[in-house]
Amino acid sequence: MAKPRHEKRASQRVQWQLPASMSFRGSGRAQVELKDISSRGLFFFTEARVEQDSKVEIVLMMPPEIGSFGSQWVCCQATVVRVEDKPGQKIGVAAVIDRCEALPQI
């Protein structure tokens, strides 16, 4: 019988499967597909090569369930904490949100 996994997340994740835009390494830009997000972190899929411990910036529409930023466009600076690179699949990336700012409405 398998042991239950210990939950490490400090806040509840919300399933949020929308496209977003990511920039990394100062000049690279890529589209990502969000899987889930919380007020402290997110998980997404991308075809771009991203390294663990790298800094990324992601622009996305925040879900309404997420605190003070819900239902608005935000820019999040995050640190990659895990990369899941399986042959034949998009790369899965888990990142901790370092800072998040609301974008101006246009």
N, C-alpha and C. Protein backbone atom coordinates (compact mmCIF):
# COMPACT_ATOMS: atom_id res chain seq x y z
N MET A 1 0.84 -1.18 0.00
CA MET A 1 0.00 0.00 0.00
C MET A 1 0.88 1.24 0.00
N ALA A 2 0.58 2.18 -0.85
CA ALA A 2 1.38 3.40 -0.98
C ALA A 2 1.14 4.33 0.19
N LYS A 3 2.22 4.99 0.61
CA LYS A 3 2.12 5.98 1.68
C LYS A 3 1.46 7.24 1.14
N PRO A 4 0.58 7.87 1.93
CA PRO A 4 0.02 9.15 1.46
C PRO A 4 1.10 10.21 1.41
N ARG A 5 1.04 11.05 0.37
CA ARG A 5 2.03 12.12 0.22
C ARG A 5 1.71 13.25 1.19
N HIS A 6 2.74 13.79 1.80
CA HIS A 6 2.58 14.94 2.69
C HIS A 6 2.38 16.19 1.85
N GLU A 7 1.33 16.93 2.13
CA GLU A 7 1.03 18.16 1.40
C GLU A 7 1.97 19.26 1.86
N LYS A 8 2.75 19.82 0.92
CA LYS A 8 3.72 20.87 1.24
C LYS A 8 3.18 22.27 0.99
N ARG A 9 2.08 22.38 0.29
CA ARG A 9 1.55 23.69 -0.08
C ARG A 9 1.02 24.42 1.14
N ALA A 10 1.33 25.71 1.21
CA ALA A 10 0.88 26.54 2.32
C ALA A 10 -0.49 27.16 2.05
N SER A 11 -0.92 27.17 0.80
CA SER A 11 -2.23 27.73 0.47
C SER A 11 -2.89 26.87 -0.60
N GLN A 12 -4.21 26.91 -0.65
CA GLN A 12 -4.98 26.08 -1.55
C GLN A 12 -4.77 26.48 -3.01
N ARG A 13 -4.60 25.47 -3.88
CA ARG A 13 -4.46 25.70 -5.31
C ARG A 13 -5.82 25.73 -5.97
N VAL A 14 -5.94 26.56 -6.99
CA VAL A 14 -7.16 26.68 -7.78
C VAL A 14 -6.83 26.17 -9.18
N GLN A 15 -7.64 25.23 -9.69
CA GLN A 15 -7.45 24.78 -11.07
C GLN A 15 -7.73 25.97 -11.98
N TRP A 16 -6.77 26.32 -12.82
CA TRP A 16 -6.89 27.53 -13.65
C TRP A 16 -6.18 27.26 -14.95
N GLN A 17 -6.86 26.72 -15.91
CA GLN A 17 -6.24 26.27 -17.14
C GLN A 17 -6.45 27.27 -18.27
N LEU A 18 -5.62 28.30 -18.25
CA LEU A 18 -5.67 29.34 -19.27
C LEU A 18 -4.27 29.59 -19.82
N PRO A 19 -4.17 30.11 -21.04
CA PRO A 19 -2.86 30.48 -21.54
C PRO A 19 -2.35 31.72 -20.81
N ALA A 20 -1.03 31.83 -20.73
CA ALA A 20 -0.38 32.99 -20.12
C ALA A 20 0.92 33.22 -20.88
N SER A 21 1.57 34.32 -20.59
CA SER A 21 2.82 34.68 -21.24
C SER A 21 3.93 34.68 -20.21
N MET A 22 5.09 34.10 -20.56
CA MET A 22 6.22 34.03 -19.65
C MET A 22 7.45 34.65 -20.30
N SER A 23 8.21 35.40 -19.53
CA SER A 23 9.52 35.85 -20.00
C SER A 23 10.55 35.35 -19.00
N PHE A 24 11.73 35.04 -19.50
CA PHE A 24 12.78 34.46 -18.66
C PHE A 24 14.14 34.77 -19.24
N ARG A 25 15.16 34.61 -18.43
CA ARG A 25 16.55 34.87 -18.81
C ARG A 25 16.73 36.24 -19.46
N GLY A 26 15.96 37.19 -19.01
CA GLY A 26 16.13 38.55 -19.49
C GLY A 26 15.51 38.85 -20.84
N SER A 27 15.50 37.90 -21.78
CA SER A 27 14.99 38.24 -23.10
C SER A 27 14.06 37.19 -23.70
N GLY A 28 14.08 35.98 -23.20
CA GLY A 28 13.23 34.94 -23.77
C GLY A 28 11.77 35.16 -23.43
N ARG A 29 10.88 34.79 -24.36
CA ARG A 29 9.45 34.92 -24.13
C ARG A 29 8.80 33.66 -24.66
N ALA A 30 7.82 33.13 -23.93
CA ALA A 30 7.15 31.90 -24.35
C ALA A 30 5.72 31.90 -23.85
N GLN A 31 4.87 31.18 -24.57
CA GLN A 31 3.51 30.96 -24.11
C GLN A 31 3.53 29.77 -23.14
N VAL A 32 2.71 29.84 -22.13
CA VAL A 32 2.58 28.74 -21.18
C VAL A 32 1.10 28.42 -21.01
N GLU A 33 0.84 27.20 -20.53
CA GLU A 33 -0.52 26.77 -20.22
C GLU A 33 -0.59 26.53 -18.72
N LEU A 34 -1.30 27.38 -18.01
CA LEU A 34 -1.44 27.22 -16.57
C LEU A 34 -2.23 25.96 -16.26
N LYS A 35 -1.82 25.28 -15.20
CA LYS A 35 -2.58 24.13 -14.70
C LYS A 35 -3.32 24.52 -13.44
N ASP A 36 -2.57 25.12 -12.49
CA ASP A 36 -3.19 25.59 -11.26
C ASP A 36 -2.36 26.72 -10.66
N ILE A 37 -2.99 27.43 -9.71
CA ILE A 37 -2.34 28.58 -9.11
C ILE A 37 -2.87 28.78 -7.69
N SER A 38 -2.03 29.35 -6.84
CA SER A 38 -2.45 29.77 -5.50
C SER A 38 -1.87 31.16 -5.27
N SER A 39 -2.08 31.70 -4.11
CA SER A 39 -1.53 33.02 -3.82
C SER A 39 -0.01 32.97 -3.65
N ARG A 40 0.55 31.77 -3.53
CA ARG A 40 1.99 31.63 -3.31
C ARG A 40 2.76 30.93 -4.43
N GLY A 41 2.06 30.26 -5.34
CA GLY A 41 2.77 29.53 -6.38
C GLY A 41 1.86 29.13 -7.52
N LEU A 42 2.49 28.55 -8.56
CA LEU A 42 1.74 28.12 -9.72
C LEU A 42 2.45 26.96 -10.40
N PHE A 43 1.68 26.25 -11.23
CA PHE A 43 2.23 25.16 -12.02
C PHE A 43 1.74 25.36 -13.44
N PHE A 44 2.67 25.24 -14.40
CA PHE A 44 2.31 25.44 -15.80
C PHE A 44 3.11 24.51 -16.69
N PHE A 45 2.65 24.41 -17.95
CA PHE A 45 3.32 23.62 -18.97
C PHE A 45 3.85 24.56 -20.04
N THR A 46 5.03 24.24 -20.58
CA THR A 46 5.64 25.06 -21.62
C THR A 46 6.52 24.18 -22.51
N GLU A 47 6.82 24.68 -23.69
CA GLU A 47 7.78 24.01 -24.56
C GLU A 47 9.17 24.62 -24.40
N ALA A 48 9.26 25.73 -23.67
CA ALA A 48 10.54 26.42 -23.47
C ALA A 48 11.37 25.70 -22.41
N ARG A 49 12.66 25.71 -22.60
CA ARG A 49 13.59 25.10 -21.65
C ARG A 49 13.78 26.07 -20.48
N VAL A 50 13.34 25.66 -19.29
CA VAL A 50 13.42 26.48 -18.08
C VAL A 50 14.23 25.71 -17.05
N GLU A 51 15.13 26.38 -16.37
CA GLU A 51 15.99 25.74 -15.38
C GLU A 51 15.47 25.95 -13.96
N GLN A 52 15.68 24.96 -13.10
CA GLN A 52 15.35 25.11 -11.68
C GLN A 52 16.15 26.27 -11.10
N ASP A 53 15.57 27.01 -10.19
CA ASP A 53 16.14 28.19 -9.52
C ASP A 53 16.19 29.43 -10.42
N SER A 54 15.71 29.33 -11.67
CA SER A 54 15.71 30.52 -12.53
C SER A 54 14.53 31.41 -12.17
N LYS A 55 14.64 32.68 -12.53
CA LYS A 55 13.59 33.67 -12.30
C LYS A 55 12.77 33.79 -13.57
N VAL A 56 11.46 33.83 -13.43
CA VAL A 56 10.56 34.00 -14.56
C VAL A 56 9.53 35.09 -14.22
N GLU A 57 8.97 35.66 -15.26
CA GLU A 57 7.92 36.65 -15.10
C GLU A 57 6.73 36.16 -15.90
N ILE A 58 5.56 36.09 -15.28
CA ILE A 58 4.38 35.55 -15.95
C ILE A 58 3.24 36.56 -15.88
N VAL A 59 2.65 36.83 -17.04
CA VAL A 59 1.49 37.72 -17.13
C VAL A 59 0.27 36.83 -17.33
N LEU A 60 -0.74 36.99 -16.45
CA LEU A 60 -1.91 36.14 -16.49
C LEU A 60 -3.13 36.84 -15.91
N MET A 61 -4.29 36.27 -16.21
CA MET A 61 -5.53 36.73 -15.58
C MET A 61 -5.67 35.91 -14.30
N MET A 62 -5.66 36.59 -13.15
CA MET A 62 -5.75 35.91 -11.86
C MET A 62 -7.18 35.43 -11.62
N PRO A 63 -7.35 34.21 -11.13
CA PRO A 63 -8.71 33.72 -10.87
C PRO A 63 -9.38 34.49 -9.73
N PRO A 64 -10.70 34.55 -9.73
CA PRO A 64 -11.42 35.31 -8.71
C PRO A 64 -11.20 34.78 -7.29
N GLU A 65 -10.85 33.52 -7.15
CA GLU A 65 -10.67 32.92 -5.82
C GLU A 65 -9.39 33.35 -5.11
N ILE A 66 -8.49 34.02 -5.82
CA ILE A 66 -7.18 34.36 -5.25
C ILE A 66 -7.19 35.77 -4.67
N GLY A 67 -7.38 35.87 -3.39
CA GLY A 67 -7.25 37.09 -2.60
C GLY A 67 -7.50 38.42 -3.28
N SER A 68 -6.64 39.37 -3.02
CA SER A 68 -6.82 40.75 -3.48
C SER A 68 -6.59 40.93 -4.98
N PHE A 69 -6.00 39.94 -5.65
CA PHE A 69 -5.73 40.08 -7.09
C PHE A 69 -6.76 39.39 -7.97
N GLY A 70 -7.78 38.80 -7.38
CA GLY A 70 -8.75 38.02 -8.15
C GLY A 70 -9.41 38.79 -9.28
N SER A 71 -9.60 38.13 -10.42
CA SER A 71 -10.29 38.65 -11.61
C SER A 71 -9.64 39.88 -12.22
N GLN A 72 -8.32 39.93 -12.22
CA GLN A 72 -7.64 41.01 -12.92
C GLN A 72 -6.32 40.50 -13.49
N TRP A 73 -5.80 41.24 -14.47
CA TRP A 73 -4.51 40.90 -15.08
C TRP A 73 -3.40 41.28 -14.12
N VAL A 74 -2.44 40.36 -13.97
CA VAL A 74 -1.32 40.60 -13.06
C VAL A 74 -0.01 40.19 -13.74
N CYS A 75 1.07 40.70 -13.22
CA CYS A 75 2.42 40.30 -13.61
C CYS A 75 3.09 39.75 -12.37
N CYS A 76 3.46 38.47 -12.42
CA CYS A 76 4.07 37.81 -11.27
C CYS A 76 5.53 37.49 -11.55
N GLN A 77 6.41 37.86 -10.63
CA GLN A 77 7.79 37.43 -10.67
C GLN A 77 7.86 36.19 -9.79
N ALA A 78 8.49 35.14 -10.31
CA ALA A 78 8.50 33.86 -9.61
C ALA A 78 9.85 33.17 -9.76
N THR A 79 10.11 32.22 -8.85
CA THR A 79 11.32 31.41 -8.89
C THR A 79 10.92 29.96 -9.16
N VAL A 80 11.55 29.35 -10.16
CA VAL A 80 11.26 27.95 -10.52
C VAL A 80 11.83 27.04 -9.43
N VAL A 81 10.96 26.19 -8.86
CA VAL A 81 11.40 25.27 -7.81
C VAL A 81 11.45 23.81 -8.27
N ARG A 82 10.74 23.50 -9.38
CA ARG A 82 10.76 22.12 -9.89
C ARG A 82 10.47 22.14 -11.38
N VAL A 83 11.19 21.28 -12.11
CA VAL A 83 10.97 21.13 -13.55
C VAL A 83 10.73 19.65 -13.82
N GLU A 84 9.62 19.33 -14.48
CA GLU A 84 9.28 17.96 -14.85
C GLU A 84 9.41 17.83 -16.36
N ASP A 85 10.52 17.25 -16.81
CA ASP A 85 10.81 17.14 -18.23
C ASP A 85 10.70 15.67 -18.65
N LYS A 86 9.56 15.30 -19.25
CA LYS A 86 9.32 13.94 -19.69
C LYS A 86 9.34 13.90 -21.21
N PRO A 87 10.07 12.96 -21.81
CA PRO A 87 10.16 12.88 -23.27
C PRO A 87 8.77 12.82 -23.92
N GLY A 88 8.60 13.59 -24.99
CA GLY A 88 7.36 13.59 -25.75
C GLY A 88 6.24 14.42 -25.14
N GLN A 89 6.52 15.10 -24.03
CA GLN A 89 5.50 15.92 -23.37
C GLN A 89 6.03 17.33 -23.17
N LYS A 90 5.11 18.26 -22.95
CA LYS A 90 5.54 19.62 -22.60
C LYS A 90 6.20 19.58 -21.24
N ILE A 91 7.03 20.56 -20.97
CA ILE A 91 7.76 20.64 -19.70
C ILE A 91 6.83 21.20 -18.63
N GLY A 92 6.73 20.51 -17.50
CA GLY A 92 5.95 20.98 -16.37
C GLY A 92 6.84 21.80 -15.45
N VAL A 93 6.36 22.95 -15.00
CA VAL A 93 7.16 23.85 -14.18
C VAL A 93 6.36 24.28 -12.95
N ALA A 94 6.95 24.08 -11.77
CA ALA A 94 6.37 24.58 -10.52
C ALA A 94 7.21 25.78 -10.10
N ALA A 95 6.55 26.87 -9.72
CA ALA A 95 7.26 28.09 -9.34
C ALA A 95 6.60 28.72 -8.12
N VAL A 96 7.43 29.32 -7.29
CA VAL A 96 6.97 30.07 -6.12
C VAL A 96 6.87 31.54 -6.53
N ILE A 97 5.74 32.17 -6.23
CA ILE A 97 5.56 33.58 -6.56
C ILE A 97 6.32 34.43 -5.56
N ASP A 98 7.26 35.24 -6.07
CA ASP A 98 8.03 36.15 -5.22
C ASP A 98 7.33 37.48 -5.05
N ARG A 99 6.70 37.95 -6.12
CA ARG A 99 6.02 39.25 -6.11
C ARG A 99 4.96 39.25 -7.21
N CYS A 100 3.87 39.93 -6.96
CA CYS A 100 2.79 39.99 -7.94
C CYS A 100 2.21 41.40 -7.92
N GLU A 101 2.03 41.97 -9.12
CA GLU A 101 1.49 43.32 -9.22
C GLU A 101 0.33 43.34 -10.22
N ALA A 102 -0.71 44.08 -9.87
CA ALA A 102 -1.84 44.24 -10.78
C ALA A 102 -1.40 45.12 -11.95
N LEU A 103 -1.86 44.77 -13.15
CA LEU A 103 -1.57 45.57 -14.33
C LEU A 103 -2.68 46.60 -14.51
N PRO A 104 -2.35 47.76 -15.07
CA PRO A 104 -3.38 48.79 -15.27
C PRO A 104 -4.44 48.35 -16.26
N GLN A 105 -5.67 48.73 -16.02
CA GLN A 105 -6.78 48.45 -16.93
C GLN A 105 -6.66 49.36 -18.14
N ILE A 106 -6.94 48.82 -19.34
CA ILE A 106 -6.91 49.67 -20.53
C ILE A 106 -8.24 49.63 -21.23
